[in-house]
């Protein structure tokens, strides 16, 4: 599998002021595989330590932060002597007491020793025994495979080249194939184990079994990591996500979790899921002006899941929906499509993502993306419905903006808006 984040790892390696790197992300998004693949391609040798599995080394940092002692203990345990050409890989770093804190001392006392520590957002966020090495580490966040990475895994990288180069006539010749691949991605999603299984066996039933197993493992993590009194509320929020996304107005409604619920009952649970990387919040902004954060409405937000395939599994989307073509875009067409678009927009950590709705609720823009000093209003259509009254009114009211509509219709330029096929999100919003 090809993961585009490896390019950021190459950049980290060449950085003059390189610090220890934390590769973070939700559980099972492929952190271990990526850092091992990078190590094999980029360093003469590496040492891999999994603190969840290696009980002997789990106490490595408890005694002190003497770097020479630490390196010697690693040598004794692994038989490999570390030097500046050796990449240290610390997996499940949160399982080692004071492991996260130790990265500060690698930065200060052993700056030329390359170190990558991987840990789930869930584990790091809930690991309160360590003081965090603020300013002493670099970060890369790994997400599930994007649609383009999915196409690469399926051997269709030639389609990606046409979209990235914006050769729209060439893209049009494979439109039906791209639409079919997009439907498959909606169903399979981007969790690496699931994608690998689908690439090898094309077994949709196995896809659902693997996705269900991932969802079950997340549910078990709730009990393992969350405060006991918060677990029932976390589960209630988690189970409500598919219902929240299936509404036409996707603003998060606490009453859908439990009748009569208020923000104070579930705010902590939502933030816990957010810290774990399983749930994302997109806040409303009141205006389309820079900076969007200055007009943020903290009381109104939409929620999205980690992965579109997991969302489909949670919704109980049957295999027949994929085989039936457009039947897939029936009951949950808006939810799946908006989740998919959000995942692609999220790929760049530089993008600040909001949505806009009018105070009188007579208009909504699905996403407003700010990158540097540029704002892009985005409308999402699951099919070829090209009615875009809200987008047009919003652009006319904010004359400097140019809208993008993602739909199943081919590429088309207009003075106020560009229509882009849904399968091109990653090419249009790098």
Protein backbone atom coordinates (compact mmCIF):
# COMPACT_ATOMS: atom_id res chain seq x y z
CA UNK A 1 0.00 0.00 0.00
CA UNK A 2 1.11 3.56 -0.70
CA UNK A 3 0.48 6.14 2.01
CA UNK A 4 0.99 9.74 0.98
CA UNK A 5 1.99 10.74 4.53
CA UNK A 6 5.34 9.06 3.92
CA UNK A 7 6.33 12.22 2.03
CA UNK A 8 5.97 14.20 5.26
CA UNK A 9 8.21 11.64 6.97
CA UNK A 10 10.87 12.18 4.28
CA UNK A 11 10.62 15.92 4.87
CA UNK A 12 10.96 15.39 8.63
CA UNK A 13 14.11 13.32 8.11
CA UNK A 14 15.81 16.09 6.11
CA UNK A 15 14.85 18.89 8.51
CA UNK A 16 17.90 20.58 10.10
CA UNK A 17 16.11 21.25 13.36
CA UNK A 18 14.44 17.86 13.42
CA UNK A 19 12.85 16.87 16.72
CA UNK A 20 11.51 13.51 17.89
CA UNK A 21 8.36 12.82 15.90
CA UNK A 22 5.01 11.68 17.26
CA UNK A 23 3.02 9.83 14.60
CA UNK A 24 -0.50 10.02 15.94
CA UNK A 25 -3.95 8.94 14.81
CA UNK A 26 -6.91 6.85 15.83
CA UNK A 27 -6.42 3.16 16.43
CA UNK A 28 -5.97 0.94 13.37
CA UNK A 29 -5.28 3.67 10.80
CA UNK A 30 -1.88 2.13 9.92
CA UNK A 31 0.66 3.99 12.06
CA UNK A 32 2.84 0.94 12.75
CA UNK A 33 2.92 -0.13 9.11
CA UNK A 34 3.78 3.37 7.90
CA UNK A 35 6.68 3.99 10.25
CA UNK A 36 8.15 0.53 9.55
CA UNK A 37 7.82 1.07 5.80
CA UNK A 38 9.49 4.46 6.13
CA UNK A 39 12.30 3.03 8.28
CA UNK A 40 13.02 0.26 5.77
CA UNK A 41 13.18 2.74 2.87
CA UNK A 42 15.07 5.58 4.56
CA UNK A 43 17.56 4.30 7.14
CA UNK A 44 20.38 1.72 7.07
CA UNK A 45 18.92 0.16 10.21
CA UNK A 46 16.17 0.68 12.72
CA UNK A 47 15.13 -0.57 16.14
CA UNK A 48 11.46 -1.29 16.73
CA UNK A 49 10.10 -1.40 20.28
CA UNK A 50 6.42 -2.03 20.97
CA UNK A 51 5.78 -1.03 24.58
CA UNK A 52 2.45 -2.81 24.64
CA UNK A 53 4.11 -6.14 23.79
CA UNK A 54 7.60 -5.73 25.29
CA UNK A 55 7.12 -5.92 29.04
CA UNK A 56 10.89 -5.94 29.58
CA UNK A 57 11.34 -2.47 28.09
CA UNK A 58 8.09 -0.95 29.31
CA UNK A 59 9.92 0.45 32.36
CA UNK A 60 12.73 1.87 30.23
CA UNK A 61 12.18 5.51 31.25
CA UNK A 62 11.04 5.12 34.85
CA UNK A 63 14.44 5.28 36.53
CA UNK A 64 15.84 8.39 34.85
CA UNK A 65 16.36 10.10 31.51
CA UNK A 66 20.04 9.23 31.10
CA UNK A 67 20.18 8.83 27.31
CA UNK A 68 23.28 6.65 27.29
CA UNK A 69 21.72 4.22 29.78
CA UNK A 70 18.49 4.16 27.76
CA UNK A 71 20.33 3.39 24.51
CA UNK A 72 22.39 0.70 26.21
CA UNK A 73 19.28 -0.96 27.68
CA UNK A 74 17.70 -0.96 24.23
CA UNK A 75 20.88 -2.56 22.84
CA UNK A 76 20.81 -5.27 25.48
CA UNK A 77 17.14 -6.02 24.81
CA UNK A 78 17.28 -5.96 21.00
CA UNK A 79 20.88 -6.77 20.09
CA UNK A 80 21.09 -3.66 17.90
CA UNK A 81 23.32 -0.73 18.82
CA UNK A 82 21.80 2.66 18.05
CA UNK A 83 23.75 5.43 16.34
CA UNK A 84 22.83 8.49 14.29
CA UNK A 85 21.99 6.28 11.29
CA UNK A 86 19.61 4.18 13.34
CA UNK A 87 15.96 5.13 13.51
CA UNK A 88 14.36 4.38 16.87
CA UNK A 89 10.70 3.36 16.54
CA UNK A 90 8.72 3.49 19.78
CA UNK A 91 5.27 2.02 19.21
CA UNK A 92 2.37 2.41 21.66
CA UNK A 93 4.48 5.02 23.45
CA UNK A 94 1.65 5.76 25.89
CA UNK A 95 2.10 2.30 27.45
CA UNK A 96 5.58 3.18 28.72
CA UNK A 97 5.44 5.25 31.94
CA UNK A 98 7.12 8.62 31.28
CA UNK A 99 7.64 7.54 27.65
CA UNK A 100 6.11 10.66 26.16
CA UNK A 101 8.08 12.85 28.59
CA UNK A 102 11.30 11.07 27.55
CA UNK A 103 10.99 12.54 24.06
CA UNK A 104 11.88 15.93 25.54
CA UNK A 105 15.25 14.57 26.67
CA UNK A 106 15.94 12.96 23.31
CA UNK A 107 15.35 16.40 21.81
CA UNK A 108 17.58 18.24 24.31
CA UNK A 109 20.32 15.72 25.07
CA UNK A 110 20.47 13.52 21.98
CA UNK A 111 19.27 15.79 19.14
CA UNK A 112 20.95 13.81 16.35
CA UNK A 113 19.28 10.53 17.26
CA UNK A 114 16.23 10.07 14.98
CA UNK A 115 13.17 8.95 16.94
CA UNK A 116 9.59 8.27 15.88
CA UNK A 117 7.03 7.49 18.57
CA UNK A 118 3.64 6.20 17.53
CA UNK A 119 0.54 6.19 19.67
CA UNK A 120 -3.18 6.34 19.28
CA UNK A 121 -4.83 9.68 19.94
CA UNK A 122 -6.95 7.79 22.41
CA UNK A 123 -3.99 6.53 24.39
CA UNK A 124 -2.02 9.78 24.35
CA UNK A 125 -5.02 11.91 25.27
CA UNK A 126 -5.90 9.70 28.23
CA UNK A 127 -2.32 9.14 29.42
CA UNK A 128 -2.21 11.66 32.22
CA UNK A 129 0.84 10.35 34.07
CA UNK A 130 3.28 12.11 31.74
CA UNK A 131 4.05 15.79 31.39
CA UNK A 132 3.82 16.61 27.71
CA UNK A 133 7.03 17.82 25.97
CA UNK A 134 5.56 21.02 24.54
CA UNK A 135 7.79 22.46 21.82
CA UNK A 136 10.14 19.46 21.91
CA UNK A 137 8.40 17.17 19.41
CA UNK A 138 7.11 17.27 15.86
CA UNK A 139 3.71 15.83 14.91
CA UNK A 140 2.21 14.02 11.95
CA UNK A 141 -1.38 12.83 12.09
CA UNK A 142 -2.37 9.78 10.07
CA UNK A 143 -5.93 9.28 8.82
CA UNK A 144 -7.58 6.37 6.99
CA UNK A 145 -6.67 5.95 3.34
CA UNK A 146 -7.94 8.73 1.11
CA UNK A 147 -9.88 7.99 -2.08
CA UNK A 148 -6.73 8.49 -4.16
CA UNK A 149 -4.79 6.11 -1.91
CA UNK A 150 -7.65 3.63 -2.36
CA UNK A 151 -7.35 3.98 -6.15
CA UNK A 152 -3.58 3.40 -5.87
CA UNK A 153 -4.20 0.25 -3.84
CA UNK A 154 -6.64 -0.93 -6.53
CA UNK A 155 -4.03 -0.38 -9.24
CA UNK A 156 -5.69 2.67 -10.82
CA UNK A 157 -3.06 5.34 -10.31
CA UNK A 158 -3.39 6.41 -13.97
CA UNK A 159 -6.80 7.87 -13.10
CA UNK A 160 -5.21 9.93 -10.33
CA UNK A 161 -2.68 11.47 -12.71
CA UNK A 162 -5.45 12.68 -15.03
CA UNK A 163 -7.34 14.29 -12.13
CA UNK A 164 -4.27 15.91 -10.56
CA UNK A 165 -3.27 17.37 -13.94
CA UNK A 166 -6.87 18.52 -14.43
CA UNK A 167 -7.09 16.90 -17.86
CA UNK A 168 -10.87 16.93 -17.83
CA UNK A 169 -11.36 15.39 -21.27
CA UNK A 170 -9.26 12.42 -20.21
CA UNK A 171 -11.11 12.21 -16.90
CA UNK A 172 -14.42 12.13 -18.78
CA UNK A 173 -13.35 8.99 -20.67
CA UNK A 174 -13.16 7.05 -17.37
CA UNK A 175 -16.10 8.76 -15.65
CA UNK A 176 -18.16 5.60 -15.21
CA UNK A 177 -15.20 3.69 -13.78
CA UNK A 178 -14.45 6.52 -11.36
CA UNK A 179 -18.07 6.67 -10.21
CA UNK A 180 -17.99 2.92 -9.64
CA UNK A 181 -14.74 3.17 -7.67
CA UNK A 182 -16.19 6.00 -5.59
CA UNK A 183 -19.19 3.84 -4.66
CA UNK A 184 -16.79 1.07 -3.67
CA UNK A 185 -14.82 3.51 -1.52
CA UNK A 186 -18.02 4.65 0.20
CA UNK A 187 -18.61 1.03 1.15
CA UNK A 188 -15.06 -0.13 1.90
CA UNK A 189 -13.75 3.11 3.38
CA UNK A 190 -10.10 3.70 4.17
CA UNK A 191 -9.17 1.56 7.17
CA UNK A 192 -5.95 -0.16 5.97
CA UNK A 193 -6.83 -3.70 7.06
CA UNK A 194 -10.19 -3.46 5.34
CA UNK A 195 -8.74 -2.01 2.13
CA UNK A 196 -6.02 -4.66 2.00
CA UNK A 197 -8.60 -7.42 2.40
CA UNK A 198 -10.77 -5.94 -0.36
CA UNK A 199 -7.82 -5.54 -2.73
CA UNK A 200 -6.86 -9.18 -2.24
CA UNK A 201 -10.26 -10.90 -2.15
CA UNK A 202 -12.96 -8.49 -3.38
CA UNK A 203 -15.15 -9.97 -0.64
CA UNK A 204 -17.71 -7.40 0.53
CA UNK A 205 -19.01 -9.67 3.28
CA UNK A 206 -15.49 -9.85 4.71
CA UNK A 207 -15.26 -6.06 4.46
CA UNK A 208 -18.29 -5.76 6.74
CA UNK A 209 -16.93 -8.35 9.18
CA UNK A 210 -13.65 -6.45 9.50
CA UNK A 211 -15.42 -3.11 9.89
CA UNK A 212 -17.68 -4.55 12.58
CA UNK A 213 -14.62 -5.89 14.40
CA UNK A 214 -13.02 -2.43 14.32
CA UNK A 215 -16.18 -0.83 15.71
CA UNK A 216 -16.30 -3.49 18.44
CA UNK A 217 -12.67 -2.77 19.35
CA UNK A 218 -13.45 0.93 19.67
CA UNK A 219 -16.36 0.10 21.94
CA UNK A 220 -14.05 -1.94 24.17
CA UNK A 221 -11.62 0.97 24.27
CA UNK A 222 -14.35 3.14 25.76
CA UNK A 223 -14.39 0.97 28.86
CA UNK A 224 -10.60 0.65 28.96
CA UNK A 225 -9.68 4.33 28.70
CA UNK A 226 -12.66 6.50 29.57
CA UNK A 227 -13.80 7.39 33.11
CA UNK A 228 -16.27 4.71 34.13
CA UNK A 229 -19.07 7.18 34.81
CA UNK A 230 -18.66 8.66 31.31
CA UNK A 231 -18.74 5.39 29.33
CA UNK A 232 -22.56 5.11 28.95
CA UNK A 233 -22.78 8.68 27.63
CA UNK A 234 -19.86 8.12 25.25
CA UNK A 235 -21.62 5.11 23.81
CA UNK A 236 -24.86 7.06 23.42
CA UNK A 237 -23.08 9.85 21.51
CA UNK A 238 -21.19 7.35 19.36
CA UNK A 239 -24.34 5.44 18.46
CA UNK A 240 -26.17 8.66 17.55
CA UNK A 241 -23.68 9.80 14.90
CA UNK A 242 -25.29 7.99 11.96
CA UNK A 243 -28.67 9.46 12.91
CA UNK A 244 -27.19 12.94 13.23
CA UNK A 245 -25.65 12.74 9.76
CA UNK A 246 -28.77 11.34 8.12
CA UNK A 247 -30.78 14.48 8.91
CA UNK A 248 -31.25 17.04 6.14
CA UNK A 249 -30.11 19.72 8.58
CA UNK A 250 -26.98 18.15 9.97
CA UNK A 251 -26.51 20.48 12.94
CA UNK A 252 -25.84 18.33 15.99
CA UNK A 253 -28.99 17.92 18.07
CA UNK A 254 -28.51 16.75 21.66
CA UNK A 255 -32.13 15.63 21.80
CA UNK A 256 -31.37 12.92 19.23
CA UNK A 257 -29.03 11.27 21.73
CA UNK A 258 -31.69 11.11 24.39
CA UNK A 259 -34.97 12.97 24.56
CA UNK A 260 -34.66 16.09 26.67
CA UNK A 261 -30.85 16.06 26.64
CA UNK A 262 -28.84 19.27 26.87
CA UNK A 263 -25.27 20.19 26.03
CA UNK A 264 -24.11 19.95 29.64
CA UNK A 265 -25.08 16.25 29.70
CA UNK A 266 -22.91 15.20 26.76
CA UNK A 267 -20.22 17.84 26.12
CA UNK A 268 -17.54 15.83 27.91
CA UNK A 269 -18.44 12.65 26.01
CA UNK A 270 -18.21 14.43 22.67
CA UNK A 271 -14.82 15.90 23.57
CA UNK A 272 -13.57 12.49 24.69
CA UNK A 273 -14.48 10.95 21.31
CA UNK A 274 -12.87 13.93 19.61
CA UNK A 275 -9.64 13.49 21.57
CA UNK A 276 -9.66 9.83 20.52
CA UNK A 277 -9.80 10.82 16.84
CA UNK A 278 -13.08 8.97 16.33
CA UNK A 279 -15.31 12.01 16.00
CA UNK A 280 -14.75 15.41 14.39
CA UNK A 281 -16.62 18.65 15.00
CA UNK A 282 -17.18 21.25 12.29
CA UNK A 283 -18.44 24.49 13.78
CA UNK A 284 -20.77 27.01 12.20
CA UNK A 285 -19.34 30.35 11.18
CA UNK A 286 -21.64 33.34 10.97
CA UNK A 287 -19.87 35.08 8.08
CA UNK A 288 -17.67 34.26 5.12
CA UNK A 289 -14.95 36.72 6.12
CA UNK A 290 -11.35 36.31 7.23
CA UNK A 291 -10.57 34.90 9.66
CA UNK A 292 -13.45 32.44 9.86
CA UNK A 293 -12.57 31.67 13.49
CA UNK A 294 -13.52 35.23 14.46
CA UNK A 295 -17.13 34.48 13.48
CA UNK A 296 -17.28 30.95 14.90
CA UNK A 297 -20.51 29.91 16.63
CA UNK A 298 -19.37 27.49 19.33
CA UNK A 299 -22.94 26.45 20.11
CA UNK A 300 -23.66 25.07 16.62
CA UNK A 301 -21.69 22.27 14.99
CA UNK A 302 -21.89 19.18 12.81
CA UNK A 303 -20.15 15.90 13.63
CA UNK A 304 -18.35 13.48 11.34
CA UNK A 305 -16.84 10.05 11.88
CA UNK A 306 -13.34 8.78 11.34
CA UNK A 307 -14.18 6.83 8.18
CA UNK A 308 -16.97 6.64 5.62
CA UNK A 309 -16.83 2.84 5.48
CA UNK A 310 -17.26 2.59 9.25
CA UNK A 311 -20.20 4.99 8.98
CA UNK A 312 -21.84 2.73 6.40
CA UNK A 313 -21.26 -0.28 8.64
CA UNK A 314 -22.72 1.53 11.63
CA UNK A 315 -25.76 2.51 9.51
CA UNK A 316 -26.24 -1.10 8.42
CA UNK A 317 -25.82 -0.20 4.75
CA UNK A 318 -26.30 -3.55 2.95
CA UNK A 319 -24.01 -4.94 0.26
CA UNK A 320 -26.88 -4.74 -2.22
CA UNK A 321 -26.70 -0.94 -1.98
CA UNK A 322 -23.27 -1.06 -3.61
CA UNK A 323 -24.18 -3.67 -6.21
CA UNK A 324 -27.36 -1.75 -7.06
CA UNK A 325 -25.45 1.33 -8.19
CA UNK A 326 -27.48 4.46 -7.52
CA UNK A 327 -29.54 2.66 -4.87
CA UNK A 328 -26.59 3.36 -2.62
CA UNK A 329 -27.45 7.05 -2.73
CA UNK A 330 -30.96 6.67 -1.32
CA UNK A 331 -31.58 6.88 2.44
CA UNK A 332 -28.03 7.79 3.44
CA UNK A 333 -26.81 9.45 0.25
CA UNK A 334 -26.31 12.83 1.89
CA UNK A 335 -24.66 11.39 4.99
CA UNK A 336 -22.18 9.22 3.10
CA UNK A 337 -21.34 11.90 0.55
CA UNK A 338 -20.78 14.67 3.07
CA UNK A 339 -18.71 12.32 5.26
CA UNK A 340 -16.59 11.39 2.22
CA UNK A 341 -16.00 15.02 1.24
CA UNK A 342 -15.11 15.96 4.81
CA UNK A 343 -12.51 13.16 4.96
CA UNK A 344 -10.79 14.46 1.84
CA UNK A 345 -10.85 18.07 3.05
CA UNK A 346 -9.37 16.98 6.38
CA UNK A 347 -6.31 15.44 4.73
CA UNK A 348 -4.48 18.76 4.80
CA UNK A 349 -3.87 19.91 8.33
CA UNK A 350 -3.63 23.45 6.92
CA UNK A 351 -7.33 23.51 6.07
CA UNK A 352 -9.60 25.13 8.65
CA UNK A 353 -13.07 23.72 8.04
CA UNK A 354 -16.39 25.30 9.02
CA UNK A 355 -19.93 25.42 7.69
CA UNK A 356 -22.26 28.38 7.29
CA UNK A 357 -25.99 28.72 7.83
CA UNK A 358 -28.19 31.77 7.75
CA UNK A 359 -29.60 33.07 11.01
CA UNK A 360 -33.09 32.46 9.65
CA UNK A 361 -32.12 28.91 8.58
CA UNK A 362 -32.98 29.70 4.96
CA UNK A 363 -29.64 28.78 3.53
CA UNK A 364 -26.60 26.66 4.31
CA UNK A 365 -23.14 26.10 2.85
CA UNK A 366 -21.93 22.58 3.58
CA UNK A 367 -18.31 23.59 4.13
CA UNK A 368 -16.26 26.76 4.28
CA UNK A 369 -12.56 26.02 4.01
CA UNK A 370 -9.93 28.58 4.97
CA UNK A 371 -6.36 28.04 3.91
CA UNK A 372 -4.02 30.94 4.56
CA UNK A 373 -5.88 34.03 3.27
CA UNK A 374 -8.21 32.12 0.94
CA UNK A 375 -11.81 31.08 1.71
CA UNK A 376 -13.59 28.49 -0.43
CA UNK A 377 -17.34 27.91 -0.03
CA UNK A 378 -18.23 24.30 -0.88
CA UNK A 379 -21.56 22.72 -1.67
CA UNK A 380 -21.94 18.93 -1.72
CA UNK A 381 -24.45 17.11 -3.90
CA UNK A 382 -24.77 13.32 -3.77
CA UNK A 383 -26.09 13.06 -7.33
CA UNK A 384 -26.47 15.41 -10.31
CA UNK A 385 -28.90 17.82 -8.66
CA UNK A 386 -27.45 21.14 -9.78
CA UNK A 387 -29.70 23.48 -7.80
CA UNK A 388 -27.29 25.68 -5.84
CA UNK A 389 -29.37 28.60 -4.60
CA UNK A 390 -27.61 28.85 -1.22
CA UNK A 391 -24.16 28.75 -2.77
CA UNK A 392 -25.03 31.36 -5.39
CA UNK A 393 -26.58 33.73 -2.87
CA UNK A 394 -23.60 33.31 -0.55
CA UNK A 395 -21.05 34.03 -3.29
CA UNK A 396 -23.04 37.04 -4.49
CA UNK A 397 -23.07 38.38 -0.93
CA UNK A 398 -19.30 37.81 -0.63
CA UNK A 399 -18.05 39.04 -4.00
CA UNK A 400 -14.42 38.03 -3.59
CA UNK A 401 -15.29 34.36 -3.17
CA UNK A 402 -15.58 31.66 -5.82
CA UNK A 403 -17.63 28.59 -4.96
CA UNK A 404 -17.03 24.90 -5.59
CA UNK A 405 -19.84 22.40 -5.99
CA UNK A 406 -18.95 18.72 -5.74
CA UNK A 407 -21.53 16.51 -7.47
CA UNK A 408 -21.81 13.55 -9.81
CA UNK A 409 -21.94 15.96 -12.75
CA UNK A 410 -18.84 16.48 -14.95
CA UNK A 411 -16.40 19.36 -14.52
CA UNK A 412 -17.79 22.75 -15.54
CA UNK A 413 -16.62 26.33 -14.96
CA UNK A 414 -18.99 29.22 -14.29
CA UNK A 415 -18.21 32.80 -13.37
CA UNK A 416 -19.23 32.36 -9.72
CA UNK A 417 -18.72 28.63 -9.20
CA UNK A 418 -16.85 25.57 -10.44
CA UNK A 419 -18.66 22.23 -10.57
CA UNK A 420 -16.28 19.35 -9.86
CA UNK A 421 -17.04 15.62 -9.87
CA UNK A 422 -17.11 14.14 -6.38
CA UNK A 423 -14.22 11.83 -7.17
CA UNK A 424 -11.94 14.87 -7.74
CA UNK A 425 -12.12 16.40 -4.25
CA UNK A 426 -8.55 15.43 -3.43
CA UNK A 427 -7.24 16.99 -6.64
CA UNK A 428 -9.20 20.21 -6.24
CA UNK A 429 -8.47 20.74 -2.54
CA UNK A 430 -4.81 19.68 -2.02
